[in-house]
């Protein structure tokens, strides 16, 4: 497997995680509100050290850093799904709310879509989000992903006091390479 490149945008660098990213990761993964729609509970410093080290050895997670100062303001998940011959990738993201409202998530995800459809030869990119999370599905729509479905009780991340699953719905979004190329042509 070749090394993951660093992707530069006007304001951001998307790069491989480093073990020392744990501090910036802890700033937002320690906040319950940030993880409301995620399959994880808030992480303490020790857990974030483990997460940053694990992510530094993998290829799916990208640290999103400000070009000026190098501060990591979030991360993006971009991973090829099975079977590989379908050339489908999954997109996900979590950003530090202290840096919200600046368009960083849109800029970072757009750069990864360019990379995926360009250098990686993706045919299709998919993303899922909770219907109760409008900022997430609005981001996907800004990126021109199409809402393909509303999946009822698609999964659960938590259980109630009696151990019963707390089911949640999911919106499924997708974009194919042809649509991305058409968008690139019309935005010039």
C-alpha atoms as a PDB file:
ATOM      1  CA  UNK A   1       0.000   0.000   0.000  1.00  0.00           C
ATOM      2  CA  UNK A   2       1.455   3.358  -0.981  1.00  0.00           C
ATOM      3  CA  UNK A   3       1.697   6.224   1.488  1.00  0.00           C
ATOM      4  CA  UNK A   4      -1.314   8.481   1.760  1.00  0.00           C
ATOM      5  CA  UNK A   5      -0.689  11.909   0.205  1.00  0.00           C
ATOM      6  CA  UNK A   6      -1.262  15.218   1.927  1.00  0.00           C
ATOM      7  CA  UNK A   7      -4.103  17.087   0.248  1.00  0.00           C
ATOM      8  CA  UNK A   8      -3.918  20.879   0.303  1.00  0.00           C
ATOM      9  CA  UNK A   9      -6.878  23.233  -0.078  1.00  0.00           C
ATOM     10  CA  UNK A  10      -6.979  27.010   0.176  1.00  0.00           C
ATOM     11  CA  UNK A  11      -7.067  26.912   3.996  1.00  0.00           C
ATOM     12  CA  UNK A  12      -6.531  23.305   5.013  1.00  0.00           C
ATOM     13  CA  UNK A  13      -4.138  20.373   4.915  1.00  0.00           C
ATOM     14  CA  UNK A  14      -5.620  16.881   4.977  1.00  0.00           C
ATOM     15  CA  UNK A  15      -2.956  14.450   6.117  1.00  0.00           C
ATOM     16  CA  UNK A  16      -2.363  11.146   7.838  1.00  0.00           C
ATOM     17  CA  UNK A  17      -2.970  11.100  11.567  1.00  0.00           C
ATOM     18  CA  UNK A  18       0.040  11.315  13.870  1.00  0.00           C
ATOM     19  CA  UNK A  19       0.159   9.946  17.418  1.00  0.00           C
ATOM     20  CA  UNK A  20       0.600  13.493  18.785  1.00  0.00           C
ATOM     21  CA  UNK A  21      -2.784  14.501  17.316  1.00  0.00           C
ATOM     22  CA  UNK A  22      -4.412  13.090  20.455  1.00  0.00           C
ATOM     23  CA  UNK A  23      -4.644  16.518  22.152  1.00  0.00           C
ATOM     24  CA  UNK A  24      -6.629  18.111  19.327  1.00  0.00           C
ATOM     25  CA  UNK A  25      -8.709  14.929  18.982  1.00  0.00           C
ATOM     26  CA  UNK A  26      -9.524  15.033  22.703  1.00  0.00           C
ATOM     27  CA  UNK A  27     -10.761  18.636  22.422  1.00  0.00           C
ATOM     28  CA  UNK A  28     -13.816  17.481  20.501  1.00  0.00           C
ATOM     29  CA  UNK A  29     -14.139  13.733  21.151  1.00  0.00           C
ATOM     30  CA  UNK A  30     -14.483  14.481  24.867  1.00  0.00           C
ATOM     31  CA  UNK A  31     -17.707  16.433  24.238  1.00  0.00           C
ATOM     32  CA  UNK A  32     -20.961  14.418  24.529  1.00  0.00           C
ATOM     33  CA  UNK A  33     -22.790  16.732  22.088  1.00  0.00           C
ATOM     34  CA  UNK A  34     -20.199  16.031  19.363  1.00  0.00           C
ATOM     35  CA  UNK A  35     -20.844  12.291  19.652  1.00  0.00           C
ATOM     36  CA  UNK A  36     -24.631  12.404  19.890  1.00  0.00           C
ATOM     37  CA  UNK A  37     -25.003  10.769  16.464  1.00  0.00           C
ATOM     38  CA  UNK A  38     -21.855   8.620  16.593  1.00  0.00           C
ATOM     39  CA  UNK A  39     -21.284   5.045  17.790  1.00  0.00           C
ATOM     40  CA  UNK A  40     -18.916   6.179  20.546  1.00  0.00           C
ATOM     41  CA  UNK A  41     -19.041   7.706  23.972  1.00  0.00           C
ATOM     42  CA  UNK A  42     -16.887  10.683  24.972  1.00  0.00           C
ATOM     43  CA  UNK A  43     -13.186   9.783  25.105  1.00  0.00           C
ATOM     44  CA  UNK A  44     -10.723  10.675  27.828  1.00  0.00           C
ATOM     45  CA  UNK A  45      -7.074  11.609  27.157  1.00  0.00           C
ATOM     46  CA  UNK A  46      -5.837   8.008  27.366  1.00  0.00           C
ATOM     47  CA  UNK A  47      -8.470   6.823  24.869  1.00  0.00           C
ATOM     48  CA  UNK A  48      -7.599   9.659  22.476  1.00  0.00           C
ATOM     49  CA  UNK A  49      -3.911   8.693  22.638  1.00  0.00           C
ATOM     50  CA  UNK A  50      -4.871   5.169  21.581  1.00  0.00           C
ATOM     51  CA  UNK A  51      -7.212   6.439  18.832  1.00  0.00           C
ATOM     52  CA  UNK A  52      -4.605   8.818  17.379  1.00  0.00           C
ATOM     53  CA  UNK A  53      -1.965   6.069  17.384  1.00  0.00           C
ATOM     54  CA  UNK A  54      -4.342   3.579  15.706  1.00  0.00           C
ATOM     55  CA  UNK A  55      -5.405   6.103  13.087  1.00  0.00           C
ATOM     56  CA  UNK A  56      -1.761   6.968  12.350  1.00  0.00           C
ATOM     57  CA  UNK A  57      -1.246   3.344  11.233  1.00  0.00           C
ATOM     58  CA  UNK A  58      -4.340   3.183   9.023  1.00  0.00           C
ATOM     59  CA  UNK A  59      -5.457   4.823   5.816  1.00  0.00           C
ATOM     60  CA  UNK A  60      -9.156   5.551   6.434  1.00  0.00           C
ATOM     61  CA  UNK A  61      -8.901   8.607   8.726  1.00  0.00           C
ATOM     62  CA  UNK A  62      -7.578  11.974   7.574  1.00  0.00           C
ATOM     63  CA  UNK A  63      -6.596  14.709  10.027  1.00  0.00           C
ATOM     64  CA  UNK A  64      -7.982  18.066   8.870  1.00  0.00           C
ATOM     65  CA  UNK A  65      -5.587  20.845   9.880  1.00  0.00           C
ATOM     66  CA  UNK A  66      -5.501  24.589   9.391  1.00  0.00           C
ATOM     67  CA  UNK A  67      -2.656  25.569   7.084  1.00  0.00           C
ATOM     68  CA  UNK A  68      -1.896  28.510   9.345  1.00  0.00           C
ATOM     69  CA  UNK A  69      -0.703  27.130  12.661  1.00  0.00           C
ATOM     70  CA  UNK A  70      -1.351  23.443  11.915  1.00  0.00           C
ATOM     71  CA  UNK A  71      -4.252  23.059  14.372  1.00  0.00           C
ATOM     72  CA  UNK A  72      -6.297  19.901  13.740  1.00  0.00           C
ATOM     73  CA  UNK A  73      -9.938  21.070  13.563  1.00  0.00           C
ATOM     74  CA  UNK A  74     -11.554  17.736  12.739  1.00  0.00           C
ATOM     75  CA  UNK A  75     -11.176  14.527  10.834  1.00  0.00           C
ATOM     76  CA  UNK A  76     -12.686  12.839   7.826  1.00  0.00           C
ATOM     77  CA  UNK A  77     -13.229   9.132   7.284  1.00  0.00           C
ATOM     78  CA  UNK A  78     -12.852   7.944   3.697  1.00  0.00           C
ATOM     79  CA  UNK A  79     -12.647   4.202   3.153  1.00  0.00           C
ATOM     80  CA  UNK A  80     -13.217   1.730   0.346  1.00  0.00           C
ATOM     81  CA  UNK A  81     -16.120  -0.639   0.926  1.00  0.00           C
ATOM     82  CA  UNK A  82     -16.312  -4.323   0.087  1.00  0.00           C
ATOM     83  CA  UNK A  83     -16.346  -5.774  -2.465  1.00  0.00           C
ATOM     84  CA  UNK A  84     -13.485  -3.674  -3.885  1.00  0.00           C
ATOM     85  CA  UNK A  85     -14.486  -4.216  -7.514  1.00  0.00           C
ATOM     86  CA  UNK A  86     -17.539  -1.976  -6.960  1.00  0.00           C
ATOM     87  CA  UNK A  87     -15.153   0.968  -6.400  1.00  0.00           C
ATOM     88  CA  UNK A  88     -17.418   2.409  -3.684  1.00  0.00           C
ATOM     89  CA  UNK A  89     -16.059   4.573  -0.880  1.00  0.00           C
ATOM     90  CA  UNK A  90     -17.719   5.733   2.331  1.00  0.00           C
ATOM     91  CA  UNK A  91     -17.415   9.286   3.632  1.00  0.00           C
ATOM     92  CA  UNK A  92     -17.787  10.375   7.254  1.00  0.00           C
ATOM     93  CA  UNK A  93     -16.648  13.349   9.340  1.00  0.00           C
ATOM     94  CA  UNK A  94     -16.450  14.868  12.794  1.00  0.00           C
ATOM     95  CA  UNK A  95     -15.306  18.438  13.403  1.00  0.00           C
ATOM     96  CA  UNK A  96     -14.465  20.441  16.488  1.00  0.00           C
ATOM     97  CA  UNK A  97     -17.468  22.725  17.119  1.00  0.00           C
ATOM     98  CA  UNK A  98     -15.089  25.474  18.267  1.00  0.00           C
ATOM     99  CA  UNK A  99     -14.170  25.835  14.578  1.00  0.00           C
ATOM    100  CA  UNK A 100     -17.701  25.518  13.192  1.00  0.00           C
ATOM    101  CA  UNK A 101     -19.292  27.958  10.787  1.00  0.00           C
ATOM    102  CA  UNK A 102     -16.175  28.512   8.670  1.00  0.00           C
ATOM    103  CA  UNK A 103     -16.859  25.951   5.944  1.00  0.00           C
ATOM    104  CA  UNK A 104     -13.940  23.715   6.928  1.00  0.00           C
ATOM    105  CA  UNK A 105     -15.996  20.503   6.741  1.00  0.00           C
ATOM    106  CA  UNK A 106     -17.284  21.398   3.260  1.00  0.00           C
ATOM    107  CA  UNK A 107     -13.793  22.307   2.054  1.00  0.00           C
ATOM    108  CA  UNK A 108     -12.211  19.135   3.471  1.00  0.00           C
ATOM    109  CA  UNK A 109     -14.906  16.766   2.198  1.00  0.00           C
ATOM    110  CA  UNK A 110     -14.912  18.375  -1.244  1.00  0.00           C
ATOM    111  CA  UNK A 111     -11.139  17.848  -1.451  1.00  0.00           C
ATOM    112  CA  UNK A 112     -11.533  14.175  -0.510  1.00  0.00           C
ATOM    113  CA  UNK A 113     -14.272  13.734  -3.102  1.00  0.00           C
ATOM    114  CA  UNK A 114     -11.913  15.211  -5.721  1.00  0.00           C
ATOM    115  CA  UNK A 115      -9.196  12.814  -4.555  1.00  0.00           C
ATOM    116  CA  UNK A 116     -11.564   9.852  -4.489  1.00  0.00           C
ATOM    117  CA  UNK A 117     -13.088  10.385  -7.912  1.00  0.00           C
ATOM    118  CA  UNK A 118      -9.760  11.508  -9.386  1.00  0.00           C
ATOM    119  CA  UNK A 119      -6.701   9.719  -8.028  1.00  0.00           C
ATOM    120  CA  UNK A 120      -8.474   6.738  -6.433  1.00  0.00           C
ATOM    121  CA  UNK A 121     -10.820   6.042  -9.346  1.00  0.00           C
ATOM    122  CA  UNK A 122     -13.941   5.815  -7.177  1.00  0.00           C
ATOM    123  CA  UNK A 123     -17.143   4.993  -9.026  1.00  0.00           C
ATOM    124  CA  UNK A 124     -19.443   5.845  -6.125  1.00  0.00           C
ATOM    125  CA  UNK A 125     -19.205   7.582  -2.747  1.00  0.00           C
ATOM    126  CA  UNK A 126     -21.810   6.942  -0.049  1.00  0.00           C
ATOM    127  CA  UNK A 127     -22.543   8.539   3.313  1.00  0.00           C
ATOM    128  CA  UNK A 128     -25.075   7.929   6.071  1.00  0.00           C
ATOM    129  CA  UNK A 129     -26.400  10.326   8.681  1.00  0.00           C
ATOM    130  CA  UNK A 130     -29.154  10.555  11.242  1.00  0.00           C
ATOM    131  CA  UNK A 131     -32.243  12.497  10.070  1.00  0.00           C
ATOM    132  CA  UNK A 132     -32.149  14.286  13.446  1.00  0.00           C
ATOM    133  CA  UNK A 133     -28.749  15.760  12.509  1.00  0.00           C
ATOM    134  CA  UNK A 134     -29.550  18.542  10.008  1.00  0.00           C
ATOM    135  CA  UNK A 135     -25.998  19.995   9.961  1.00  0.00           C
ATOM    136  CA  UNK A 136     -24.718  16.640   8.708  1.00  0.00           C
ATOM    137  CA  UNK A 137     -27.260  16.096   5.952  1.00  0.00           C
ATOM    138  CA  UNK A 138     -27.045  19.737   4.889  1.00  0.00           C
ATOM    139  CA  UNK A 139     -23.287  19.295   4.478  1.00  0.00           C
ATOM    140  CA  UNK A 140     -23.860  16.249   2.259  1.00  0.00           C
ATOM    141  CA  UNK A 141     -26.337  18.217   0.163  1.00  0.00           C
ATOM    142  CA  UNK A 142     -23.867  21.143  -0.167  1.00  0.00           C
ATOM    143  CA  UNK A 143     -21.424  18.571  -1.515  1.00  0.00           C
ATOM    144  CA  UNK A 144     -24.088  17.547  -4.088  1.00  0.00           C
ATOM    145  CA  UNK A 145     -24.639  14.069  -2.709  1.00  0.00           C
ATOM    146  CA  UNK A 146     -28.119  12.782  -3.461  1.00  0.00           C
ATOM    147  CA  UNK A 147     -30.399  11.500  -0.724  1.00  0.00           C
ATOM    148  CA  UNK A 148     -31.191   7.985  -1.907  1.00  0.00           C
ATOM    149  CA  UNK A 149     -33.218   6.751   0.982  1.00  0.00           C
ATOM    150  CA  UNK A 150     -34.602   7.050   4.473  1.00  0.00           C
ATOM    151  CA  UNK A 151     -33.810   3.822   6.263  1.00  0.00           C
ATOM    152  CA  UNK A 152     -36.162   3.119   9.161  1.00  0.00           C
ATOM    153  CA  UNK A 153     -34.590   1.851  12.375  1.00  0.00           C
ATOM    154  CA  UNK A 154     -31.382   1.131  10.486  1.00  0.00           C
ATOM    155  CA  UNK A 155     -29.167   0.629  13.505  1.00  0.00           C
ATOM    156  CA  UNK A 156     -28.421   1.457  17.092  1.00  0.00           C
ATOM    157  CA  UNK A 157     -25.413   2.769  18.988  1.00  0.00           C
ATOM    158  CA  UNK A 158     -26.809   2.679  22.512  1.00  0.00           C
ATOM    159  CA  UNK A 159     -29.196   0.735  24.711  1.00  0.00           C
ATOM    160  CA  UNK A 160     -31.813   1.842  27.243  1.00  0.00           C
ATOM    161  CA  UNK A 161     -31.637   1.068  30.957  1.00  0.00           C
ATOM    162  CA  UNK A 162     -33.188  -2.354  30.341  1.00  0.00           C
ATOM    163  CA  UNK A 163     -30.656  -3.252  27.630  1.00  0.00           C
ATOM    164  CA  UNK A 164     -33.031  -2.819  24.695  1.00  0.00           C
ATOM    165  CA  UNK A 165     -31.555  -1.235  21.549  1.00  0.00           C
ATOM    166  CA  UNK A 166     -32.331   2.437  20.951  1.00  0.00           C
ATOM    167  CA  UNK A 167     -32.952   2.208  17.208  1.00  0.00           C
ATOM    168  CA  UNK A 168     -32.375   5.200  14.942  1.00  0.00           C
ATOM    169  CA  UNK A 169     -33.209   6.012  11.353  1.00  0.00           C
ATOM    170  CA  UNK A 170     -30.600   6.926   8.749  1.00  0.00           C
ATOM    171  CA  UNK A 171     -30.516   8.939   5.572  1.00  0.00           C
ATOM    172  CA  UNK A 172     -28.443   7.359   2.838  1.00  0.00           C
ATOM    173  CA  UNK A 173     -26.642   9.684   0.430  1.00  0.00           C
ATOM    174  CA  UNK A 174     -24.538   8.938  -2.643  1.00  0.00           C
ATOM    175  CA  UNK A 175     -22.773  10.451  -5.616  1.00  0.00           C
ATOM    176  CA  UNK A 176     -21.291   8.705  -8.653  1.00  0.00           C
ATOM    177  CA  UNK A 177     -18.231   9.702 -10.657  1.00  0.00           C
ATOM    178  CA  UNK A 178     -20.237  10.874 -13.673  1.00  0.00           C
ATOM    179  CA  UNK A 179     -22.211  13.291 -11.484  1.00  0.00           C
ATOM    180  CA  UNK A 180     -19.001  14.610  -9.907  1.00  0.00           C
ATOM    181  CA  UNK A 181     -17.415  15.187 -13.340  1.00  0.00           C
ATOM    182  CA  UNK A 182     -20.575  16.997 -14.514  1.00  0.00           C
ATOM    183  CA  UNK A 183     -20.465  19.217 -11.427  1.00  0.00           C
ATOM    184  CA  UNK A 184     -16.795  20.029 -12.073  1.00  0.00           C
ATOM    185  CA  UNK A 185     -17.556  20.975 -15.695  1.00  0.00           C
ATOM    186  CA  UNK A 186     -20.487  23.240 -14.809  1.00  0.00           C
ATOM    187  CA  UNK A 187     -18.659  25.030 -11.992  1.00  0.00           C
ATOM    188  CA  UNK A 188     -15.887  26.298 -14.249  1.00  0.00           C
END
